[in-house]
Amino acid sequence: MGAGKMDYEALGRKIRGLRRERHMTQTELAKAIQISQPFLGHIERGSRIASLETLVKICNTLGTDPNFLLEESIRYHGKDSLTGLLKKALKLAEEK
């Protein structure tokens, strides 16, 4: 994986693993986050890309931090965590 490239398969594996730990089926998670079960299956296999909104819904539903889901794709581990950066970005978007 090159610099700046997202590892969607790793993201999907983490989502699948957390979903199974929470004893949820794909159908249950898909319904909770308002997407189709086939689309969730694609996300878990890394063959489709979840929007930021869907990723936030997944994190909230599974009770996890985006840092955990994205850690294999994030190289920056400086002062601000990914969560902090996302909050800042969302706040700036709301202000516009």
N, C-alpha and C. Protein backbone atom coordinates (compact mmCIF):
# COMPACT_ATOMS: atom_id res chain seq x y z
N MET A 1 0.85 -1.18 0.00
CA MET A 1 0.00 0.00 0.00
C MET A 1 0.89 1.24 0.00
N GLY A 2 0.69 2.10 -0.98
CA GLY A 2 1.48 3.31 -1.09
C GLY A 2 1.00 4.40 -0.15
N ALA A 3 1.81 5.45 -0.05
CA ALA A 3 1.45 6.58 0.80
C ALA A 3 0.16 7.20 0.31
N GLY A 4 -0.75 7.46 1.23
CA GLY A 4 -2.00 8.10 0.88
C GLY A 4 -3.06 7.15 0.35
N LYS A 5 -2.75 5.87 0.23
CA LYS A 5 -3.71 4.91 -0.31
C LYS A 5 -4.48 4.25 0.82
N MET A 6 -5.78 4.22 0.68
CA MET A 6 -6.66 3.63 1.69
C MET A 6 -6.70 2.11 1.52
N ASP A 7 -6.62 1.39 2.62
CA ASP A 7 -6.70 -0.07 2.60
C ASP A 7 -8.14 -0.47 2.94
N TYR A 8 -8.98 -0.56 1.91
CA TYR A 8 -10.40 -0.84 2.11
C TYR A 8 -10.65 -2.27 2.57
N GLU A 9 -9.78 -3.19 2.19
CA GLU A 9 -9.94 -4.57 2.66
C GLU A 9 -9.70 -4.66 4.16
N ALA A 10 -8.70 -3.96 4.66
CA ALA A 10 -8.43 -3.95 6.11
C ALA A 10 -9.58 -3.30 6.86
N LEU A 11 -10.11 -2.21 6.32
CA LEU A 11 -11.26 -1.55 6.93
C LEU A 11 -12.44 -2.52 7.00
N GLY A 12 -12.70 -3.20 5.92
CA GLY A 12 -13.81 -4.16 5.87
C GLY A 12 -13.63 -5.30 6.87
N ARG A 13 -12.41 -5.80 6.97
CA ARG A 13 -12.14 -6.88 7.94
C ARG A 13 -12.42 -6.41 9.37
N LYS A 14 -12.04 -5.18 9.67
CA LYS A 14 -12.27 -4.66 11.03
C LYS A 14 -13.76 -4.49 11.30
N ILE A 15 -14.49 -3.98 10.31
CA ILE A 15 -15.93 -3.83 10.47
C ILE A 15 -16.58 -5.19 10.68
N ARG A 16 -16.22 -6.17 9.85
CA ARG A 16 -16.78 -7.52 9.98
C ARG A 16 -16.46 -8.11 11.35
N GLY A 17 -15.22 -7.95 11.79
CA GLY A 17 -14.81 -8.49 13.08
C GLY A 17 -15.60 -7.88 14.24
N LEU A 18 -15.75 -6.56 14.22
CA LEU A 18 -16.52 -5.89 15.28
C LEU A 18 -17.99 -6.29 15.23
N ARG A 19 -18.53 -6.38 14.03
CA ARG A 19 -19.93 -6.78 13.89
C ARG A 19 -20.15 -8.17 14.49
N ARG A 20 -19.25 -9.08 14.20
CA ARG A 20 -19.36 -10.44 14.74
C ARG A 20 -19.17 -10.45 16.26
N GLU A 21 -18.22 -9.66 16.76
CA GLU A 21 -18.03 -9.57 18.22
C GLU A 21 -19.29 -9.08 18.91
N ARG A 22 -20.05 -8.22 18.21
CA ARG A 22 -21.28 -7.66 18.79
C ARG A 22 -22.49 -8.57 18.51
N HIS A 23 -22.20 -9.75 17.92
CA HIS A 23 -23.23 -10.75 17.61
C HIS A 23 -24.35 -10.16 16.74
N MET A 24 -23.91 -9.41 15.73
CA MET A 24 -24.87 -8.81 14.79
C MET A 24 -24.71 -9.48 13.43
N THR A 25 -25.82 -9.66 12.74
CA THR A 25 -25.75 -10.14 11.36
C THR A 25 -25.52 -8.94 10.45
N GLN A 26 -25.15 -9.22 9.21
CA GLN A 26 -25.01 -8.13 8.24
C GLN A 26 -26.35 -7.41 8.07
N THR A 27 -27.42 -8.18 8.05
CA THR A 27 -28.75 -7.58 7.88
C THR A 27 -29.07 -6.62 9.03
N GLU A 28 -28.76 -7.02 10.25
CA GLU A 28 -29.02 -6.16 11.42
C GLU A 28 -28.23 -4.87 11.36
N LEU A 29 -26.92 -4.98 11.04
CA LEU A 29 -26.09 -3.78 10.98
C LEU A 29 -26.53 -2.89 9.82
N ALA A 30 -26.79 -3.49 8.67
CA ALA A 30 -27.21 -2.71 7.51
C ALA A 30 -28.49 -1.93 7.82
N LYS A 31 -29.43 -2.58 8.46
CA LYS A 31 -30.69 -1.90 8.82
C LYS A 31 -30.42 -0.76 9.79
N ALA A 32 -29.55 -0.99 10.77
CA ALA A 32 -29.24 0.03 11.79
C ALA A 32 -28.59 1.26 11.18
N ILE A 33 -27.79 1.06 10.13
CA ILE A 33 -27.08 2.20 9.52
C ILE A 33 -27.73 2.66 8.21
N GLN A 34 -28.87 2.06 7.90
CA GLN A 34 -29.70 2.48 6.76
C GLN A 34 -29.04 2.32 5.40
N ILE A 35 -28.40 1.15 5.21
CA ILE A 35 -27.89 0.78 3.89
C ILE A 35 -28.37 -0.64 3.60
N SER A 36 -28.19 -1.10 2.38
CA SER A 36 -28.61 -2.46 2.04
C SER A 36 -27.60 -3.48 2.55
N GLN A 37 -28.07 -4.67 2.81
CA GLN A 37 -27.18 -5.75 3.25
C GLN A 37 -26.14 -6.07 2.18
N PRO A 38 -26.52 -6.14 0.89
CA PRO A 38 -25.47 -6.40 -0.11
C PRO A 38 -24.37 -5.33 -0.12
N PHE A 39 -24.77 -4.05 0.06
CA PHE A 39 -23.76 -2.99 0.08
C PHE A 39 -22.83 -3.16 1.28
N LEU A 40 -23.39 -3.51 2.44
CA LEU A 40 -22.55 -3.76 3.62
C LEU A 40 -21.59 -4.91 3.34
N GLY A 41 -22.06 -5.95 2.67
CA GLY A 41 -21.18 -7.06 2.30
C GLY A 41 -20.01 -6.59 1.45
N HIS A 42 -20.29 -5.70 0.51
CA HIS A 42 -19.21 -5.15 -0.33
C HIS A 42 -18.23 -4.33 0.51
N ILE A 43 -18.74 -3.55 1.45
CA ILE A 43 -17.86 -2.76 2.32
C ILE A 43 -16.96 -3.70 3.11
N GLU A 44 -17.54 -4.78 3.66
CA GLU A 44 -16.75 -5.72 4.46
C GLU A 44 -15.71 -6.46 3.63
N ARG A 45 -15.95 -6.62 2.34
CA ARG A 45 -14.96 -7.27 1.46
C ARG A 45 -13.98 -6.27 0.88
N GLY A 46 -14.26 -4.98 1.05
CA GLY A 46 -13.37 -3.94 0.51
C GLY A 46 -13.58 -3.67 -0.96
N SER A 47 -14.69 -4.16 -1.52
CA SER A 47 -14.95 -3.96 -2.95
C SER A 47 -15.79 -2.72 -3.24
N ARG A 48 -16.35 -2.09 -2.20
CA ARG A 48 -17.08 -0.83 -2.34
C ARG A 48 -16.61 0.09 -1.22
N ILE A 49 -16.80 1.39 -1.43
CA ILE A 49 -16.31 2.39 -0.49
C ILE A 49 -17.48 3.01 0.28
N ALA A 50 -17.38 2.99 1.59
CA ALA A 50 -18.40 3.62 2.44
C ALA A 50 -18.17 5.13 2.46
N SER A 51 -19.26 5.89 2.45
CA SER A 51 -19.15 7.34 2.59
C SER A 51 -18.73 7.66 4.02
N LEU A 52 -18.31 8.89 4.24
CA LEU A 52 -17.95 9.32 5.59
C LEU A 52 -19.16 9.19 6.51
N GLU A 53 -20.33 9.55 6.01
CA GLU A 53 -21.56 9.44 6.80
C GLU A 53 -21.81 7.99 7.22
N THR A 54 -21.65 7.06 6.28
CA THR A 54 -21.85 5.64 6.60
C THR A 54 -20.80 5.16 7.58
N LEU A 55 -19.57 5.59 7.42
CA LEU A 55 -18.51 5.20 8.35
C LEU A 55 -18.82 5.69 9.76
N VAL A 56 -19.32 6.91 9.88
CA VAL A 56 -19.70 7.45 11.20
C VAL A 56 -20.83 6.61 11.80
N LYS A 57 -21.81 6.25 10.99
CA LYS A 57 -22.92 5.41 11.47
C LYS A 57 -22.40 4.05 11.93
N ILE A 58 -21.47 3.48 11.20
CA ILE A 58 -20.89 2.20 11.59
C ILE A 58 -20.19 2.33 12.93
N CYS A 59 -19.37 3.37 13.09
CA CYS A 59 -18.66 3.59 14.35
C CYS A 59 -19.64 3.74 15.51
N ASN A 60 -20.67 4.55 15.32
CA ASN A 60 -21.64 4.77 16.38
C ASN A 60 -22.41 3.50 16.72
N THR A 61 -22.81 2.75 15.71
CA THR A 61 -23.59 1.54 15.94
C THR A 61 -22.76 0.45 16.59
N LEU A 62 -21.50 0.32 16.17
CA LEU A 62 -20.64 -0.73 16.73
C LEU A 62 -19.89 -0.27 17.97
N GLY A 63 -20.04 1.01 18.32
CA GLY A 63 -19.38 1.53 19.52
C GLY A 63 -17.87 1.51 19.43
N THR A 64 -17.37 2.01 18.30
CA THR A 64 -15.92 2.03 18.12
C THR A 64 -15.47 3.41 17.66
N ASP A 65 -14.19 3.60 17.69
CA ASP A 65 -13.55 4.84 17.30
C ASP A 65 -13.04 4.70 15.86
N PRO A 66 -13.16 5.74 15.03
CA PRO A 66 -12.65 5.64 13.67
C PRO A 66 -11.15 5.35 13.62
N ASN A 67 -10.42 5.74 14.65
CA ASN A 67 -8.98 5.43 14.68
C ASN A 67 -8.75 3.94 14.56
N PHE A 68 -9.55 3.15 15.28
CA PHE A 68 -9.39 1.70 15.25
C PHE A 68 -9.66 1.16 13.86
N LEU A 69 -10.74 1.63 13.23
CA LEU A 69 -11.09 1.11 11.91
C LEU A 69 -10.08 1.51 10.84
N LEU A 70 -9.50 2.69 10.98
CA LEU A 70 -8.64 3.23 9.92
C LEU A 70 -7.15 3.12 10.20
N GLU A 71 -6.77 2.55 11.34
CA GLU A 71 -5.37 2.59 11.75
C GLU A 71 -4.40 1.98 10.75
N GLU A 72 -4.84 1.03 9.94
CA GLU A 72 -3.92 0.43 8.96
C GLU A 72 -3.71 1.32 7.75
N SER A 73 -4.56 2.34 7.60
CA SER A 73 -4.44 3.26 6.46
C SER A 73 -3.90 4.62 6.86
N ILE A 74 -3.86 4.91 8.16
CA ILE A 74 -3.42 6.22 8.64
C ILE A 74 -1.95 6.15 9.05
N ARG A 75 -1.16 7.02 8.47
CA ARG A 75 0.25 7.06 8.79
C ARG A 75 0.57 8.16 9.81
N TYR A 76 -0.30 9.16 9.90
CA TYR A 76 -0.07 10.31 10.77
C TYR A 76 -0.53 9.98 12.19
N HIS A 77 0.37 10.08 13.12
CA HIS A 77 0.05 9.83 14.53
C HIS A 77 0.58 10.97 15.39
N GLY A 78 0.33 12.18 14.94
CA GLY A 78 0.83 13.35 15.64
C GLY A 78 -0.06 13.79 16.78
N LYS A 79 -0.02 15.07 17.05
CA LYS A 79 -0.72 15.67 18.20
C LYS A 79 -2.23 15.41 18.15
N ASP A 80 -2.85 15.59 16.98
CA ASP A 80 -4.30 15.41 16.84
C ASP A 80 -4.60 13.99 16.37
N SER A 81 -5.55 13.37 17.03
CA SER A 81 -5.99 12.06 16.59
C SER A 81 -6.90 12.22 15.38
N LEU A 82 -7.17 11.13 14.70
CA LEU A 82 -8.09 11.18 13.58
C LEU A 82 -9.46 11.65 14.04
N THR A 83 -9.88 11.21 15.20
CA THR A 83 -11.18 11.63 15.73
C THR A 83 -11.22 13.14 15.89
N GLY A 84 -10.18 13.72 16.45
CA GLY A 84 -10.12 15.16 16.61
C GLY A 84 -10.13 15.89 15.28
N LEU A 85 -9.40 15.36 14.32
CA LEU A 85 -9.36 15.98 13.01
C LEU A 85 -10.73 15.91 12.33
N LEU A 86 -11.42 14.77 12.46
CA LEU A 86 -12.75 14.63 11.88
C LEU A 86 -13.73 15.60 12.53
N LYS A 87 -13.65 15.76 13.85
CA LYS A 87 -14.53 16.69 14.54
C LYS A 87 -14.28 18.11 14.06
N LYS A 88 -13.01 18.48 13.89
CA LYS A 88 -12.68 19.82 13.40
C LYS A 88 -13.22 20.03 11.99
N ALA A 89 -13.07 19.01 11.14
CA ALA A 89 -13.55 19.12 9.75
C ALA A 89 -15.07 19.26 9.71
N LEU A 90 -15.77 18.47 10.53
CA LEU A 90 -17.23 18.56 10.57
C LEU A 90 -17.69 19.91 11.10
N LYS A 91 -16.99 20.44 12.10
CA LYS A 91 -17.34 21.75 12.65
C LYS A 91 -17.15 22.83 11.61
N LEU A 92 -16.03 22.78 10.86
CA LEU A 92 -15.79 23.76 9.81
C LEU A 92 -16.85 23.66 8.73
N ALA A 93 -17.26 22.44 8.39
CA ALA A 93 -18.30 22.25 7.35
C ALA A 93 -19.62 22.83 7.81
N GLU A 94 -19.95 22.67 9.09
CA GLU A 94 -21.21 23.20 9.62
C GLU A 94 -21.21 24.72 9.62
N GLU A 95 -20.05 25.32 9.80
CA GLU A 95 -19.94 26.79 9.86
C GLU A 95 -20.14 27.42 8.49
N LYS A 96 -19.94 26.65 7.43
CA LYS A 96 -20.05 27.20 6.07
C LYS A 96 -21.45 27.13 5.54
